[in-house]
Amino acid sequence: MEKIIFFGLAIPILAFVFYLGGSAIMNGFKAKVEFAPKKNTDEENNQSQQEMDSNTMNSNNDNLSSELARLNNLLKDGVLTQEEFDKAKKKILDN
């Protein structure tokens, strides 16, 4: 009688533990696949590099424009002389 009670309780508990362990392992595999880094082909890498280069060029052009506009405002306000303006403009354009 004791064996029947023992196996009646032990087998369902053991099955539940295996179920929990298996589901945890499967969730880990799913997460690993889902969050794995995407492998890019050479074409995608080249395209993304070109996009980054064009974005950098656009931001550099915006920075140049804003710097020159700021210098021009300083010249108009009388803060800079024409000579200082020319030196600063040449320094910005040479970089």
Foldseek 3Di string as FASTA:
>chain_A
DVVCVCCVPVVVVVVVVVVVVVVVVVVVVVVCVVPPDDDDDPVVVVVVVVVVVVVVVVVLVVVLVVVLVVLVVCCVVVVDDPVRSVVVNVVSVVD
